[in-house]
């Protein structure tokens, strides 16, 4: 029976690369906000002989995530793997100048949505599935206040879940990929020389080798 992988944040960057890498062995459920990018991903997956279910949804919409997870349960019963790459990258700003809307979006996307998804996805993973989170430790770095604080909170949630499920499952893993030429990084480092950054597909292969 074909394994099933849920990827939140699959439309581009590392999420898309993971979806492509998994497609020969897994049916991929690809969640992202950009329909066009998901359709392009689907074309690449089909070209590899794989299959995908596209879910153009916003992870901060709890009702939509509930419908998605209920649909996954009704169709497949369980999933084998959940990779959570979705992140909101707020503009860099001094701590005393962070825009309230940017902070609210960061909390909603990076913290609240993660907590909601954990509660919805955990029953789908059961005792034998695996969840993977992606750290980007920037806590304490100047101008990264909104992003770094909410990313740290997300990873704290993941670490708590990992500790709680050590003996009962699912397995929860946290990895720290090398810097990649993603849209998120470009937002933080515009004009950066990207020649020294690691290719997303290379990092996807490295992540999957750890699972």
N, C-alpha and C. Protein backbone atom coordinates (compact mmCIF):
# COMPACT_ATOMS: atom_id res chain seq x y z
N UNK A 1 0.84 -1.19 0.00
CA UNK A 1 0.00 0.00 0.00
C UNK A 1 0.87 1.25 0.00
N UNK A 2 0.55 2.22 -0.85
CA UNK A 2 1.33 3.44 -0.95
C UNK A 2 1.27 4.24 0.34
N UNK A 3 2.42 4.71 0.77
CA UNK A 3 2.47 5.55 1.96
C UNK A 3 1.95 6.95 1.62
N UNK A 4 1.56 7.68 2.65
CA UNK A 4 0.98 9.00 2.46
C UNK A 4 1.74 10.03 3.28
N UNK A 5 2.07 11.17 2.65
CA UNK A 5 2.79 12.24 3.32
C UNK A 5 2.01 13.54 3.20
N UNK A 6 1.81 14.22 4.31
CA UNK A 6 1.19 15.54 4.34
C UNK A 6 2.30 16.57 4.47
N UNK A 7 2.31 17.54 3.55
CA UNK A 7 3.31 18.60 3.60
C UNK A 7 2.60 19.94 3.66
N UNK A 8 2.76 20.63 4.76
CA UNK A 8 2.19 21.96 4.92
C UNK A 8 3.27 22.99 4.57
N UNK A 9 2.94 23.84 3.59
CA UNK A 9 3.93 24.75 3.05
C UNK A 9 4.63 24.15 1.85
N UNK A 10 3.86 23.47 1.00
CA UNK A 10 4.43 22.67 -0.08
C UNK A 10 4.57 23.40 -1.41
N UNK A 11 4.11 24.63 -1.49
CA UNK A 11 4.03 25.26 -2.81
C UNK A 11 5.39 25.65 -3.39
N UNK A 12 6.36 25.89 -2.54
CA UNK A 12 7.68 26.29 -3.06
C UNK A 12 8.76 25.99 -2.03
N UNK A 13 10.00 26.26 -2.41
CA UNK A 13 11.11 26.09 -1.48
C UNK A 13 11.32 24.67 -1.02
N UNK A 14 11.69 24.51 0.25
CA UNK A 14 11.98 23.19 0.79
C UNK A 14 10.76 22.30 0.78
N UNK A 15 9.58 22.85 1.05
CA UNK A 15 8.36 22.05 1.04
C UNK A 15 8.11 21.40 -0.31
N UNK A 16 8.28 22.17 -1.38
CA UNK A 16 8.09 21.63 -2.72
C UNK A 16 9.15 20.58 -3.04
N UNK A 17 10.39 20.85 -2.63
CA UNK A 17 11.47 19.89 -2.88
C UNK A 17 11.22 18.58 -2.13
N UNK A 18 10.72 18.66 -0.91
CA UNK A 18 10.38 17.45 -0.15
C UNK A 18 9.26 16.68 -0.83
N UNK A 19 8.27 17.41 -1.34
CA UNK A 19 7.15 16.76 -2.03
C UNK A 19 7.65 15.98 -3.24
N UNK A 20 8.52 16.59 -4.01
CA UNK A 20 9.07 15.91 -5.19
C UNK A 20 9.90 14.70 -4.80
N UNK A 21 10.71 14.85 -3.75
CA UNK A 21 11.57 13.75 -3.33
C UNK A 21 10.78 12.57 -2.80
N UNK A 22 9.65 12.85 -2.16
CA UNK A 22 8.83 11.78 -1.59
C UNK A 22 7.90 11.13 -2.61
N UNK A 23 7.63 11.81 -3.71
CA UNK A 23 6.58 11.36 -4.63
C UNK A 23 6.78 9.96 -5.22
N UNK A 24 8.01 9.48 -5.40
CA UNK A 24 8.13 8.10 -5.90
C UNK A 24 7.63 7.04 -4.92
N UNK A 25 7.63 7.37 -3.62
CA UNK A 25 7.27 6.36 -2.62
C UNK A 25 6.03 6.71 -1.81
N UNK A 26 5.55 7.96 -1.91
CA UNK A 26 4.40 8.41 -1.13
C UNK A 26 3.39 9.14 -2.01
N UNK A 27 2.12 9.00 -1.66
CA UNK A 27 1.13 9.92 -2.20
C UNK A 27 1.25 11.19 -1.37
N UNK A 28 1.44 12.31 -2.04
CA UNK A 28 1.71 13.58 -1.36
C UNK A 28 0.44 14.42 -1.26
N UNK A 29 0.12 14.85 -0.05
CA UNK A 29 -0.96 15.81 0.17
C UNK A 29 -0.28 17.15 0.38
N UNK A 30 -0.38 18.02 -0.62
CA UNK A 30 0.38 19.26 -0.65
C UNK A 30 -0.50 20.44 -0.27
N UNK A 31 -0.17 21.08 0.84
CA UNK A 31 -0.93 22.22 1.34
C UNK A 31 -0.13 23.50 1.13
N UNK A 32 -0.77 24.50 0.53
CA UNK A 32 -0.12 25.79 0.33
C UNK A 32 -1.14 26.82 -0.09
N UNK A 33 -0.77 28.08 0.00
CA UNK A 33 -1.73 29.14 -0.31
C UNK A 33 -1.77 29.50 -1.79
N UNK A 34 -0.73 29.12 -2.55
CA UNK A 34 -0.62 29.55 -3.94
C UNK A 34 -1.04 28.43 -4.87
N UNK A 35 -2.22 28.57 -5.47
CA UNK A 35 -2.76 27.51 -6.32
C UNK A 35 -1.86 27.22 -7.50
N UNK A 36 -1.39 28.27 -8.17
CA UNK A 36 -0.54 28.08 -9.35
C UNK A 36 0.72 27.31 -9.03
N UNK A 37 1.36 27.63 -7.92
CA UNK A 37 2.59 26.94 -7.53
C UNK A 37 2.31 25.48 -7.19
N UNK A 38 1.17 25.21 -6.57
CA UNK A 38 0.80 23.82 -6.28
C UNK A 38 0.55 23.04 -7.56
N UNK A 39 -0.08 23.67 -8.54
CA UNK A 39 -0.34 23.00 -9.81
C UNK A 39 0.97 22.70 -10.54
N UNK A 40 1.92 23.62 -10.46
CA UNK A 40 3.23 23.36 -11.07
C UNK A 40 3.94 22.21 -10.36
N UNK A 41 3.81 22.17 -9.04
CA UNK A 41 4.37 21.06 -8.27
C UNK A 41 3.73 19.74 -8.70
N UNK A 42 2.43 19.74 -8.87
CA UNK A 42 1.71 18.54 -9.29
C UNK A 42 2.22 18.05 -10.64
N UNK A 43 2.49 18.98 -11.55
CA UNK A 43 3.03 18.61 -12.87
C UNK A 43 4.37 17.91 -12.71
N UNK A 44 5.22 18.44 -11.85
CA UNK A 44 6.55 17.83 -11.65
C UNK A 44 6.43 16.46 -11.00
N UNK A 45 5.51 16.33 -10.06
CA UNK A 45 5.30 15.04 -9.40
C UNK A 45 4.78 14.01 -10.39
N UNK A 46 3.81 14.41 -11.21
CA UNK A 46 3.28 13.48 -12.21
C UNK A 46 4.35 13.08 -13.21
N UNK A 47 5.24 14.01 -13.54
CA UNK A 47 6.32 13.70 -14.48
C UNK A 47 7.26 12.63 -13.92
N UNK A 48 7.31 12.53 -12.59
CA UNK A 48 8.13 11.51 -11.94
C UNK A 48 7.36 10.20 -11.73
N UNK A 49 6.09 10.20 -12.17
CA UNK A 49 5.27 9.01 -11.99
C UNK A 49 4.55 8.94 -10.67
N UNK A 50 4.57 10.05 -9.92
CA UNK A 50 3.93 10.07 -8.62
C UNK A 50 2.54 10.67 -8.68
N UNK A 51 1.93 10.82 -7.51
CA UNK A 51 0.58 11.39 -7.44
C UNK A 51 0.49 12.32 -6.24
N UNK A 52 -0.39 13.31 -6.36
CA UNK A 52 -0.55 14.28 -5.27
C UNK A 52 -2.00 14.72 -5.17
N UNK A 53 -2.37 15.09 -3.98
CA UNK A 53 -3.65 15.76 -3.73
C UNK A 53 -3.32 17.19 -3.34
N UNK A 54 -3.86 18.16 -4.06
CA UNK A 54 -3.55 19.56 -3.81
C UNK A 54 -4.58 20.18 -2.88
N UNK A 55 -4.11 20.91 -1.89
CA UNK A 55 -4.99 21.57 -0.93
C UNK A 55 -4.58 23.04 -0.83
N UNK A 56 -5.12 23.89 -1.73
CA UNK A 56 -4.79 25.31 -1.68
C UNK A 56 -5.51 25.99 -0.53
N UNK A 57 -4.90 25.94 0.63
CA UNK A 57 -5.52 26.41 1.87
C UNK A 57 -4.53 27.22 2.70
N UNK A 58 -5.08 28.06 3.57
CA UNK A 58 -4.30 28.84 4.52
C UNK A 58 -4.29 28.10 5.85
N UNK A 59 -3.11 27.77 6.36
CA UNK A 59 -3.04 26.98 7.59
C UNK A 59 -3.57 27.75 8.81
N UNK A 60 -3.70 29.07 8.70
CA UNK A 60 -4.24 29.83 9.83
C UNK A 60 -5.76 29.75 9.91
N UNK A 61 -6.38 29.16 8.90
CA UNK A 61 -7.83 28.96 8.91
C UNK A 61 -8.12 27.61 9.56
N UNK A 62 -8.43 27.64 10.84
CA UNK A 62 -8.61 26.40 11.60
C UNK A 62 -9.75 25.55 11.05
N UNK A 63 -10.81 26.19 10.59
CA UNK A 63 -11.93 25.43 10.03
C UNK A 63 -11.51 24.69 8.77
N UNK A 64 -10.71 25.35 7.92
CA UNK A 64 -10.23 24.71 6.70
C UNK A 64 -9.32 23.54 7.04
N UNK A 65 -8.47 23.70 8.04
CA UNK A 65 -7.58 22.61 8.44
C UNK A 65 -8.36 21.43 9.02
N UNK A 66 -9.45 21.73 9.72
CA UNK A 66 -10.30 20.66 10.25
C UNK A 66 -10.94 19.88 9.11
N UNK A 67 -11.42 20.60 8.09
CA UNK A 67 -12.02 19.95 6.93
C UNK A 67 -10.98 19.10 6.21
N UNK A 68 -9.78 19.65 6.05
CA UNK A 68 -8.70 18.92 5.38
C UNK A 68 -8.39 17.62 6.12
N UNK A 69 -8.18 17.70 7.41
CA UNK A 69 -7.80 16.51 8.18
C UNK A 69 -8.93 15.49 8.26
N UNK A 70 -10.15 15.98 8.31
CA UNK A 70 -11.30 15.06 8.28
C UNK A 70 -11.35 14.34 6.94
N UNK A 71 -11.08 15.09 5.87
CA UNK A 71 -11.07 14.48 4.54
C UNK A 71 -9.97 13.45 4.39
N UNK A 72 -8.80 13.74 4.96
CA UNK A 72 -7.69 12.78 4.93
C UNK A 72 -8.09 11.50 5.67
N UNK A 73 -8.72 11.67 6.82
CA UNK A 73 -9.16 10.50 7.59
C UNK A 73 -10.18 9.68 6.81
N UNK A 74 -11.13 10.36 6.18
CA UNK A 74 -12.18 9.64 5.45
C UNK A 74 -11.62 8.89 4.25
N UNK A 75 -10.59 9.45 3.62
CA UNK A 75 -10.05 8.83 2.40
C UNK A 75 -8.95 7.80 2.67
N UNK A 76 -8.03 8.15 3.58
CA UNK A 76 -6.87 7.27 3.81
C UNK A 76 -6.83 6.65 5.20
N UNK A 77 -7.57 7.20 6.11
CA UNK A 77 -7.55 6.69 7.48
C UNK A 77 -6.41 7.24 8.30
N UNK A 78 -5.20 7.06 7.80
CA UNK A 78 -4.00 7.53 8.50
C UNK A 78 -3.02 8.13 7.49
N UNK A 79 -1.99 8.79 8.02
CA UNK A 79 -0.87 9.22 7.19
C UNK A 79 0.42 8.71 7.84
N UNK A 80 1.45 8.60 7.03
CA UNK A 80 2.72 8.09 7.52
C UNK A 80 3.68 9.19 7.95
N UNK A 81 3.51 10.37 7.33
CA UNK A 81 4.50 11.42 7.52
C UNK A 81 3.85 12.79 7.41
N UNK A 82 4.23 13.68 8.30
CA UNK A 82 3.82 15.08 8.22
C UNK A 82 5.07 15.95 8.30
N UNK A 83 5.28 16.76 7.27
CA UNK A 83 6.41 17.69 7.25
C UNK A 83 5.85 19.11 7.25
N UNK A 84 6.17 19.86 8.30
CA UNK A 84 5.58 21.20 8.47
C UNK A 84 6.62 22.26 8.12
N UNK A 85 6.59 22.71 6.87
CA UNK A 85 7.55 23.72 6.41
C UNK A 85 6.95 25.12 6.33
N UNK A 86 5.64 25.23 6.50
CA UNK A 86 4.98 26.54 6.37
C UNK A 86 5.48 27.50 7.46
N UNK A 87 5.73 28.74 7.05
CA UNK A 87 6.22 29.74 8.00
C UNK A 87 5.80 31.13 7.51
N UNK A 88 5.52 32.01 8.46
CA UNK A 88 5.28 33.41 8.10
C UNK A 88 6.54 34.20 8.45
N UNK A 89 7.11 34.84 7.46
CA UNK A 89 8.33 35.63 7.66
C UNK A 89 7.97 37.11 7.67
N UNK A 90 7.82 37.66 8.86
CA UNK A 90 7.49 39.07 8.99
C UNK A 90 8.69 39.93 8.58
N UNK A 91 8.44 41.14 8.12
CA UNK A 91 9.55 42.04 7.77
C UNK A 91 10.47 42.27 8.97
N UNK A 92 11.75 42.41 8.70
CA UNK A 92 12.69 42.70 9.76
C UNK A 92 12.44 44.10 10.30
N UNK A 93 12.56 44.25 11.62
CA UNK A 93 12.32 45.54 12.25
C UNK A 93 12.91 45.55 13.65
N UNK A 94 13.31 46.72 14.15
CA UNK A 94 13.73 46.79 15.54
C UNK A 94 12.59 46.37 16.46
N UNK A 95 12.92 45.82 17.60
CA UNK A 95 11.90 45.29 18.50
C UNK A 95 10.86 46.34 18.89
N UNK A 96 11.29 47.60 19.00
CA UNK A 96 10.35 48.64 19.40
C UNK A 96 9.61 49.27 18.22
N UNK A 97 9.80 48.70 17.03
CA UNK A 97 9.09 49.19 15.85
C UNK A 97 8.35 48.07 15.11
N UNK A 98 8.19 46.91 15.73
CA UNK A 98 7.47 45.81 15.07
C UNK A 98 6.01 46.20 14.88
N UNK A 99 5.54 46.08 13.66
CA UNK A 99 4.15 46.41 13.36
C UNK A 99 3.22 45.40 14.03
N UNK A 100 2.16 45.89 14.64
CA UNK A 100 1.24 45.01 15.38
C UNK A 100 0.62 43.96 14.47
N UNK A 101 0.30 44.34 13.24
CA UNK A 101 -0.30 43.37 12.31
C UNK A 101 0.71 42.30 11.93
N UNK A 102 1.97 42.70 11.73
CA UNK A 102 3.01 41.71 11.41
C UNK A 102 3.21 40.73 12.56
N UNK A 103 3.16 41.24 13.78
CA UNK A 103 3.33 40.37 14.94
C UNK A 103 2.15 39.42 15.06
N UNK A 104 0.95 39.93 14.84
CA UNK A 104 -0.24 39.08 14.93
C UNK A 104 -0.21 37.98 13.88
N UNK A 105 0.22 38.33 12.65
CA UNK A 105 0.32 37.32 11.59
C UNK A 105 1.38 36.27 11.94
N UNK A 106 2.46 36.71 12.56
CA UNK A 106 3.52 35.78 12.94
C UNK A 106 3.04 34.80 13.99
N UNK A 107 2.34 35.31 14.99
CA UNK A 107 1.80 34.44 16.03
C UNK A 107 0.78 33.47 15.44
N UNK A 108 -0.11 34.00 14.59
CA UNK A 108 -1.15 33.15 13.99
C UNK A 108 -0.56 32.06 13.12
N UNK A 109 0.41 32.42 12.28
CA UNK A 109 0.96 31.45 11.33
C UNK A 109 1.98 30.50 11.92
N UNK A 110 2.80 31.00 12.83
CA UNK A 110 3.92 30.20 13.32
C UNK A 110 3.65 29.48 14.64
N UNK A 111 2.73 30.02 15.43
CA UNK A 111 2.46 29.43 16.74
C UNK A 111 1.07 28.81 16.80
N UNK A 112 0.04 29.64 16.64
CA UNK A 112 -1.32 29.13 16.79
C UNK A 112 -1.64 28.05 15.77
N UNK A 113 -1.29 28.29 14.51
CA UNK A 113 -1.58 27.29 13.47
C UNK A 113 -0.83 25.99 13.73
N UNK A 114 0.39 26.09 14.22
CA UNK A 114 1.16 24.88 14.53
C UNK A 114 0.48 24.08 15.63
N UNK A 115 0.05 24.77 16.68
CA UNK A 115 -0.64 24.07 17.78
C UNK A 115 -1.93 23.43 17.30
N UNK A 116 -2.67 24.15 16.47
CA UNK A 116 -3.92 23.61 15.94
C UNK A 116 -3.66 22.38 15.07
N UNK A 117 -2.66 22.49 14.20
CA UNK A 117 -2.35 21.37 13.31
C UNK A 117 -1.88 20.14 14.09
N UNK A 118 -1.09 20.35 15.12
CA UNK A 118 -0.65 19.21 15.93
C UNK A 118 -1.85 18.45 16.47
N UNK A 119 -2.84 19.19 16.96
CA UNK A 119 -4.02 18.52 17.53
C UNK A 119 -4.84 17.81 16.47
N UNK A 120 -4.84 18.34 15.25
CA UNK A 120 -5.61 17.72 14.17
C UNK A 120 -4.86 16.56 13.51
N UNK A 121 -3.55 16.70 13.38
CA UNK A 121 -2.76 15.71 12.64
C UNK A 121 -2.35 14.53 13.51
N UNK A 122 -2.18 14.75 14.80
CA UNK A 122 -1.74 13.66 15.69
C UNK A 122 -2.58 12.40 15.55
N UNK A 123 -3.93 12.48 15.51
CA UNK A 123 -4.71 11.26 15.35
C UNK A 123 -4.48 10.57 14.00
N UNK A 124 -4.12 11.34 12.98
CA UNK A 124 -3.85 10.75 11.67
C UNK A 124 -2.52 10.01 11.67
N UNK A 125 -1.56 10.50 12.43
CA UNK A 125 -0.25 9.85 12.51
C UNK A 125 -0.30 8.60 13.39
N UNK A 126 -1.18 8.61 14.38
CA UNK A 126 -1.27 7.47 15.28
C UNK A 126 0.03 7.25 16.04
N UNK A 127 0.33 6.00 16.34
CA UNK A 127 1.54 5.67 17.09
C UNK A 127 2.74 5.44 16.20
N UNK A 128 2.51 5.20 14.91
CA UNK A 128 3.61 4.79 14.04
C UNK A 128 4.06 5.85 13.05
N UNK A 129 3.30 6.93 12.92
CA UNK A 129 3.67 7.98 11.97
C UNK A 129 4.80 8.85 12.50
N UNK A 130 5.19 9.81 11.66
CA UNK A 130 6.29 10.69 12.05
C UNK A 130 6.00 12.12 11.62
N UNK A 131 6.27 13.07 12.51
CA UNK A 131 6.13 14.49 12.21
C UNK A 131 7.51 15.13 12.20
N UNK A 132 7.72 16.05 11.26
CA UNK A 132 9.02 16.70 11.13
C UNK A 132 8.83 18.22 11.12
N UNK A 133 9.60 18.91 11.96
CA UNK A 133 9.59 20.36 12.03
C UNK A 133 10.98 20.89 11.67
N UNK A 134 11.03 22.14 11.25
CA UNK A 134 12.27 22.69 10.70
C UNK A 134 12.68 23.94 11.47
N UNK A 135 13.80 23.83 12.18
CA UNK A 135 14.26 24.94 13.00
C UNK A 135 15.09 25.92 12.16
N UNK A 136 15.04 27.17 12.57
CA UNK A 136 15.85 28.23 11.98
C UNK A 136 16.21 29.17 13.12
N UNK A 137 17.17 28.77 13.95
CA UNK A 137 17.42 29.48 15.21
C UNK A 137 17.99 30.89 15.00
N UNK A 138 17.15 31.86 15.25
CA UNK A 138 17.57 33.26 15.14
C UNK A 138 17.22 34.07 16.39
N UNK A 139 16.87 33.38 17.45
CA UNK A 139 16.50 34.06 18.70
C UNK A 139 17.65 34.96 19.17
N UNK A 140 17.32 36.20 19.46
CA UNK A 140 18.32 37.15 19.94
C UNK A 140 19.03 37.92 18.86
N UNK A 141 18.83 37.56 17.60
CA UNK A 141 19.47 38.30 16.52
C UNK A 141 18.71 39.60 16.25
N UNK A 142 19.43 40.65 16.02
CA UNK A 142 18.79 41.96 15.85
C UNK A 142 17.90 41.99 14.61
N UNK A 143 16.78 42.65 14.76
CA UNK A 143 15.77 42.90 13.72
C UNK A 143 14.95 41.67 13.35
N UNK A 144 15.21 40.53 13.99
CA UNK A 144 14.45 39.31 13.71
C UNK A 144 13.37 39.05 14.76
N UNK A 145 13.03 40.05 15.56
CA UNK A 145 12.16 39.85 16.71
C UNK A 145 10.89 39.08 16.44
N UNK A 146 10.09 39.53 15.47
CA UNK A 146 8.79 38.88 15.21
C UNK A 146 8.98 37.46 14.70
N UNK A 147 9.88 37.29 13.73
CA UNK A 147 10.11 35.96 13.16
C UNK A 147 10.76 35.04 14.17
N UNK A 148 11.84 35.51 14.79
CA UNK A 148 12.62 34.63 15.68
C UNK A 148 11.82 34.19 16.89
N UNK A 149 11.06 35.10 17.48
CA UNK A 149 10.31 34.75 18.69
C UNK A 149 9.22 33.74 18.40
N UNK A 150 8.53 33.90 17.28
CA UNK A 150 7.44 32.97 16.97
C UNK A 150 7.97 31.66 16.40
N UNK A 151 9.10 31.70 15.71
CA UNK A 151 9.72 30.46 15.26
C UNK A 151 10.21 29.66 16.46
N UNK A 152 10.79 30.35 17.44
CA UNK A 152 11.24 29.67 18.66
C UNK A 152 10.07 29.05 19.41
N UNK A 153 8.95 29.76 19.43
CA UNK A 153 7.76 29.22 20.10
C UNK A 153 7.25 27.98 19.37
N UNK A 154 7.28 28.02 18.03
CA UNK A 154 6.86 26.86 17.25
C UNK A 154 7.72 25.64 17.58
N UNK A 155 9.02 25.84 17.62
CA UNK A 155 9.92 24.73 17.90
C UNK A 155 9.78 24.25 19.34
N UNK A 156 9.48 25.16 20.27
CA UNK A 156 9.23 24.76 21.65
C UNK A 156 8.02 23.84 21.73
N UNK A 157 6.98 24.15 20.96
CA UNK A 157 5.81 23.27 20.89
C UNK A 157 6.20 21.90 20.36
N UNK A 158 6.99 21.90 19.30
CA UNK A 158 7.41 20.63 18.69
C UNK A 158 8.25 19.80 19.66
N UNK A 159 9.15 20.48 20.40
CA UNK A 159 9.99 19.75 21.36
C UNK A 159 9.15 19.16 22.50
N UNK A 160 8.15 19.91 22.93
CA UNK A 160 7.26 19.39 23.97
C UNK A 160 6.53 18.16 23.48
N UNK A 161 6.01 18.24 22.27
CA UNK A 161 5.29 17.10 21.68
C UNK A 161 6.22 15.90 21.54
N UNK A 162 7.46 16.17 21.10
CA UNK A 162 8.44 15.08 20.95
C UNK A 162 8.69 14.39 22.28
N UNK A 163 8.84 15.18 23.35
CA UNK A 163 9.09 14.60 24.67
C UNK A 163 7.89 13.79 25.17
N UNK A 164 6.71 14.28 24.86
CA UNK A 164 5.48 13.63 25.32
C UNK A 164 5.21 12.30 24.62
N UNK A 165 5.73 12.16 23.40
CA UNK A 165 5.39 10.98 22.59
C UNK A 165 6.56 10.01 22.43
N UNK A 166 7.63 10.22 23.19
CA UNK A 166 8.82 9.37 23.04
C UNK A 166 8.49 7.89 23.14
N UNK A 167 7.65 7.53 24.08
CA UNK A 167 7.35 6.12 24.33
C UNK A 167 6.06 5.63 23.69
N UNK A 168 5.25 6.55 23.20
CA UNK A 168 3.93 6.15 22.69
C UNK A 168 3.71 6.49 21.22
N UNK A 169 4.58 7.32 20.64
CA UNK A 169 4.39 7.75 19.27
C UNK A 169 3.29 8.80 19.15
N UNK A 170 3.26 9.50 18.03
CA UNK A 170 4.14 9.37 16.88
C UNK A 170 5.54 9.91 17.16
N UNK A 171 6.47 9.57 16.30
CA UNK A 171 7.82 10.10 16.42
C UNK A 171 7.82 11.54 15.93
N UNK A 172 8.43 12.42 16.69
CA UNK A 172 8.50 13.84 16.32
C UNK A 172 9.97 14.23 16.20
N UNK A 173 10.34 14.73 15.04
CA UNK A 173 11.75 15.06 14.78
C UNK A 173 11.87 16.54 14.41
N UNK A 174 12.94 17.16 14.87
CA UNK A 174 13.24 18.55 14.54
C UNK A 174 14.59 18.59 13.84
N UNK A 175 14.63 19.17 12.66
CA UNK A 175 15.87 19.25 11.89
C UNK A 175 16.18 20.71 11.60
N UNK A 176 17.45 20.98 11.34
CA UNK A 176 17.89 22.34 11.02
C UNK A 176 18.60 22.31 9.68
N UNK A 177 17.89 22.60 8.59
CA UNK A 177 18.51 22.56 7.27
C UNK A 177 19.57 23.65 7.11
N UNK A 178 20.46 23.46 6.17
CA UNK A 178 21.43 24.49 5.82
C UNK A 178 20.71 25.65 5.12
N UNK A 179 21.29 26.83 5.12
CA UNK A 179 20.66 27.97 4.43
C UNK A 179 20.43 27.67 2.95
N UNK A 180 19.24 28.00 2.48
CA UNK A 180 18.82 27.72 1.10
C UNK A 180 18.34 29.00 0.42
N UNK A 181 18.37 29.05 -0.91
CA UNK A 181 17.92 30.24 -1.64
C UNK A 181 16.40 30.28 -1.77
N UNK A 182 15.72 30.41 -0.65
CA UNK A 182 14.26 30.43 -0.63
C UNK A 182 13.73 31.85 -0.64
N UNK A 183 12.43 31.97 -0.88
CA UNK A 183 11.79 33.29 -0.85
C UNK A 183 11.87 33.90 0.55
N UNK A 184 11.76 33.05 1.57
CA UNK A 184 11.87 33.54 2.95
C UNK A 184 13.23 34.16 3.20
N UNK A 185 14.28 33.47 2.79
CA UNK A 185 15.63 34.01 3.01
C UNK A 185 15.84 35.28 2.20
N UNK A 186 15.33 35.31 0.99
CA UNK A 186 15.48 36.50 0.15
C UNK A 186 14.82 37.72 0.79
N UNK A 187 13.75 37.48 1.52
CA UNK A 187 13.07 38.58 2.21
C UNK A 187 13.95 39.15 3.32
N UNK A 188 14.71 38.29 3.97
CA UNK A 188 15.58 38.73 5.04
C UNK A 188 16.92 39.26 4.53
N UNK A 189 17.41 38.69 3.44
CA UNK A 189 18.73 39.06 2.93
C UNK A 189 18.65 39.41 1.44
N UNK A 190 17.97 40.51 1.09
CA UNK A 190 17.86 40.90 -0.32
C UNK A 190 19.23 41.24 -0.90
N UNK A 191 19.47 40.79 -2.11
CA UNK A 191 20.74 41.07 -2.76
C UNK A 191 21.88 40.17 -2.33
N UNK A 192 21.59 39.18 -1.50
CA UNK A 192 22.63 38.26 -1.03
C UNK A 192 23.18 37.43 -2.19
N UNK A 193 24.48 37.18 -2.17
CA UNK A 193 25.09 36.27 -3.13
C UNK A 193 24.63 34.85 -2.78
N UNK A 194 23.88 34.24 -3.67
CA UNK A 194 23.28 32.94 -3.36
C UNK A 194 24.14 31.75 -3.76
N UNK A 195 25.30 32.01 -4.32
CA UNK A 195 26.11 30.90 -4.82
C UNK A 195 26.56 29.96 -3.70
N UNK A 196 26.66 30.47 -2.48
CA UNK A 196 27.11 29.63 -1.38
C UNK A 196 26.00 28.93 -0.63
N UNK A 197 24.74 29.15 -1.06
CA UNK A 197 23.60 28.54 -0.38
C UNK A 197 23.34 27.13 -0.91
N UNK A 198 22.75 26.31 -0.09
CA UNK A 198 22.49 24.91 -0.45
C UNK A 198 21.19 24.77 -1.24
N UNK A 199 21.21 23.97 -2.28
CA UNK A 199 20.02 23.74 -3.10
C UNK A 199 18.92 23.06 -2.27
N UNK A 200 17.67 23.50 -2.50
CA UNK A 200 16.54 22.95 -1.74
C UNK A 200 16.40 21.44 -1.93
N UNK A 201 16.65 20.96 -3.14
CA UNK A 201 16.53 19.53 -3.40
C UNK A 201 17.61 18.74 -2.65
N UNK A 202 18.79 19.32 -2.55
CA UNK A 202 19.87 18.67 -1.79
C UNK A 202 19.50 18.59 -0.32
N UNK A 203 18.93 19.67 0.21
CA UNK A 203 18.53 19.67 1.61
C UNK A 203 17.36 18.73 1.87
N UNK A 204 16.45 18.65 0.90
CA UNK A 204 15.32 17.71 1.04
C UNK A 204 15.84 16.28 1.16
N UNK A 205 16.80 15.93 0.31
CA UNK A 205 17.38 14.59 0.36
C UNK A 205 18.06 14.35 1.70
N UNK A 206 18.75 15.37 2.21
CA UNK A 206 19.44 15.23 3.49
C UNK A 206 18.45 15.05 4.64
N UNK A 207 17.34 15.78 4.59
CA UNK A 207 16.30 15.65 5.62
C UNK A 207 15.71 14.25 5.61
N UNK A 208 15.34 13.78 4.43
CA UNK A 208 14.69 12.47 4.33
C UNK A 208 15.64 11.34 4.72
N UNK A 209 16.93 11.55 4.53
CA UNK A 209 17.91 10.53 4.93
C UNK A 209 17.97 10.37 6.44
N UNK A 210 17.51 11.39 7.17
CA UNK A 210 17.54 11.32 8.64
C UNK A 210 16.30 10.64 9.22
N UNK A 211 15.29 10.42 8.40
CA UNK A 211 14.02 9.88 8.92
C UNK A 211 14.05 8.36 9.02
